[in-house]
Structure formats: C-alpha cells, structure tokens
Amino acid sequence: MKDPYETGMFKENPYYKKKPILGELVVVLEGKYEERGLKLINQPSRCVKANEVHELIITDEESKPGDNVNKIAYLGFLEVKNSGVILTGDEVSINEQKIGNISGFDETHLPNHYNIVIYSKERISGKNLGLEIGDIVKIG
C-alpha cells in the first residue's frame, strides 16, 4: 500500500477539526547546533498518546516535511496529557506564549520518542527562554 502523502493523493488538507494537544515540560534542555542533521519525515502529521514523552526542538530554518534541518536549539521534553494528532503548521505555545509552528517530525530516536521540530524566527534553547519543569505546552 502506498503512502497517500508521498503519492500526492491529498489535494486539500483533510483535517477539518481537531483537538489541541496539551502537556507539560518534564525536561528543560540547553544546547544549540549548526549541523544537527535532522531529516523530517514526509508525513505532515503524527498521532501522540496520553503519557508519551517527546522532544521539542526549535529551528530558524524554514522547513517542511521531507526537508533536512541543521540549525537547531533544544527546548525540552513534553509529556502529552491527551491523545490526539499534531499537524505541520500547528501553533506551539508554552505558558500561553507563542513559541512557533510545527515544521515536521524526525524519527531518529524512535521507538523512544519523536523529535518534534518547531519553526521560529529565533533559535533559543529552553534554558535561555527561562522554561521550567511543569510549564504548560499547547500544540494546535
């Protein structure tokens, strides 16, 4: 069976309505890299389950599914509170402050966790943003 995203089957966005993903930070990260070498998967969406933990990474490189991303800063790890779907383009906020929008997903560390890549004009680590354990994350 062929992947509908890779074959271009969807001519329009099929996601009519969806529930936001809520969670909280369980790790705040520090670190900034120029040549990380992330490979965003071709699919623009990923399902996440309640209680899963995934990594949040920020980039100032405009990117989309299928692209490579090198310039990154680490934000932290998110514990998902409700199951749902994360889409490319979804807005990401922490404590009601907009951080950026989802660029895509890297599967380097699966089955342990996704690298969820967020585009922002500023590439700042979680430590330098002043993030704290328990900060509320909203995606979508």
Protein backbone atom coordinates (compact mmCIF):
# COMPACT_ATOMS: atom_id res chain seq x y z
CA MET A 1 0.00 0.00 0.00
CA LYS A 2 1.30 3.44 -0.91
CA ASP A 3 1.54 6.36 1.47
CA PRO A 4 -1.17 8.92 0.50
CA TYR A 5 1.13 11.85 1.35
CA GLU A 6 4.02 10.58 -0.75
CA THR A 7 1.76 9.88 -3.75
CA GLY A 8 0.12 13.33 -3.54
CA MET A 9 -3.33 11.84 -3.01
CA PHE A 10 -4.47 14.71 -0.77
CA LYS A 11 -5.11 17.83 -2.83
CA GLU A 12 -6.61 19.64 0.17
CA ASN A 13 -5.99 19.47 3.89
CA PRO A 14 -8.19 16.58 5.13
CA TYR A 15 -8.09 17.77 8.77
CA TYR A 16 -11.36 19.64 9.20
CA LYS A 17 -11.32 19.94 13.02
CA LYS A 18 -9.10 18.61 15.77
CA LYS A 19 -8.48 18.89 19.47
CA PRO A 20 -5.30 20.68 20.67
CA ILE A 21 -2.58 18.64 22.32
CA LEU A 22 -1.88 19.69 25.90
CA GLY A 23 1.07 18.71 28.01
CA GLU A 24 3.78 19.87 30.33
CA LEU A 25 7.52 20.07 30.26
CA VAL A 26 9.28 17.26 32.12
CA VAL A 27 12.79 18.28 30.99
CA VAL A 28 14.22 21.70 30.05
CA LEU A 29 17.15 21.48 27.63
CA GLU A 30 20.13 23.62 26.78
CA GLY A 31 22.11 23.40 23.55
CA LYS A 32 22.36 24.94 20.12
CA TYR A 33 23.80 23.29 17.00
CA GLU A 34 24.59 24.37 13.45
CA GLU A 35 24.80 20.90 11.83
CA ARG A 36 22.29 18.65 13.65
CA GLY A 37 21.28 16.71 10.51
CA LEU A 38 17.60 16.08 11.27
CA LYS A 39 15.57 14.52 8.45
CA LEU A 40 11.90 15.49 8.60
CA ILE A 41 9.63 12.64 7.54
CA ASN A 42 7.34 13.15 4.53
CA GLN A 43 4.14 12.86 6.55
CA PRO A 44 2.73 16.15 7.90
CA SER A 45 1.01 14.58 10.92
CA ARG A 46 1.76 12.28 13.83
CA CYS A 47 -0.54 10.76 16.41
CA VAL A 48 0.54 11.03 20.03
CA LYS A 49 -0.88 9.22 23.04
CA ALA A 50 -1.53 10.47 26.55
CA ASN A 51 1.50 9.98 28.82
CA GLU A 52 4.00 9.71 25.96
CA VAL A 53 7.13 11.86 26.15
CA HIS A 54 8.51 13.62 23.03
CA GLU A 55 11.34 16.06 22.41
CA LEU A 56 10.73 19.66 21.31
CA ILE A 57 13.38 21.20 19.07
CA ILE A 58 13.36 24.71 17.62
CA THR A 59 14.83 25.82 14.29
CA ASP A 60 15.08 29.14 12.50
CA GLU A 61 15.33 27.34 9.14
CA GLU A 62 12.08 27.49 7.20
CA SER A 63 11.35 23.82 6.65
CA LYS A 64 8.59 21.39 5.74
CA PRO A 65 8.06 17.62 5.69
CA GLY A 66 10.83 15.89 3.75
CA ASP A 67 13.42 18.63 4.41
CA ASN A 68 16.71 18.39 6.28
CA VAL A 69 17.15 20.65 9.31
CA ASN A 70 20.58 21.55 10.67
CA LYS A 71 20.32 24.74 12.73
CA ILE A 72 18.54 23.85 15.95
CA ALA A 73 18.22 24.64 19.65
CA TYR A 74 16.83 22.18 22.18
CA LEU A 75 13.72 23.27 24.10
CA GLY A 76 12.80 20.28 26.24
CA PHE A 77 10.73 17.15 26.59
CA LEU A 78 6.93 17.27 26.66
CA GLU A 79 4.71 14.80 28.50
CA VAL A 80 1.48 14.55 26.49
CA LYS A 81 -1.69 14.85 28.61
CA ASN A 82 -4.30 13.98 25.95
CA SER A 83 -4.08 11.78 22.89
CA GLY A 84 -4.51 13.43 19.51
CA VAL A 85 -2.86 14.49 16.26
CA ILE A 86 -0.09 17.03 15.75
CA LEU A 87 0.00 18.66 12.30
CA THR A 88 2.63 20.59 10.43
CA GLY A 89 1.73 24.27 10.87
CA ASP A 90 0.15 23.84 14.31
CA GLU A 91 0.97 26.69 16.66
CA VAL A 92 3.06 25.80 19.72
CA SER A 93 2.78 27.85 22.89
CA ILE A 94 4.31 27.45 26.32
CA ASN A 95 2.51 29.15 29.21
CA GLU A 96 0.35 30.93 26.60
CA GLN A 97 3.40 32.48 24.89
CA LYS A 98 3.72 31.57 21.21
CA ILE A 99 6.97 29.73 20.51
CA GLY A 100 6.44 28.93 16.81
CA ASN A 101 4.77 26.48 14.43
CA ILE A 102 5.36 22.79 13.76
CA SER A 103 7.76 22.22 10.83
CA GLY A 104 7.72 18.44 10.99
CA PHE A 105 8.91 15.30 12.72
CA ASP A 106 12.23 13.47 12.89
CA GLU A 107 12.23 9.76 13.81
CA THR A 108 15.90 9.38 14.80
CA HIS A 109 15.08 8.18 18.32
CA LEU A 110 12.00 6.00 17.63
CA PRO A 111 10.56 3.97 19.21
CA ASN A 112 11.65 6.00 22.23
CA HIS A 113 10.37 9.43 21.12
CA TYR A 114 9.76 11.79 18.21
CA ASN A 115 11.82 14.91 17.66
CA ILE A 116 9.07 17.48 17.12
CA VAL A 117 10.63 20.34 15.15
CA ILE A 118 9.22 23.85 15.59
CA TYR A 119 9.97 26.81 13.33
CA SER A 120 10.59 30.19 14.97
CA LYS A 121 12.41 33.32 13.83
CA GLU A 122 14.59 32.99 16.94
CA ARG A 123 16.52 29.80 17.74
CA ILE A 124 16.67 29.82 21.55
CA SER A 125 17.12 26.89 23.95
CA GLY A 126 14.66 26.05 26.71
CA LYS A 127 17.14 27.23 29.34
CA ASN A 128 17.62 30.59 27.61
CA LEU A 129 13.85 31.02 27.27
CA GLY A 130 13.59 30.60 31.05
CA LEU A 131 11.42 27.48 30.76
CA GLU A 132 10.66 25.44 33.89
CA ILE A 133 9.59 21.90 34.67
CA GLY A 134 5.77 21.81 34.66
CA ASP A 135 5.35 24.66 32.15
CA ILE A 136 2.17 24.14 30.12
CA VAL A 137 2.58 23.30 26.43
CA LYS A 138 -0.23 23.64 23.89
CA ILE A 139 0.04 22.41 20.29
CA GLY A 140 -2.73 23.27 17.82
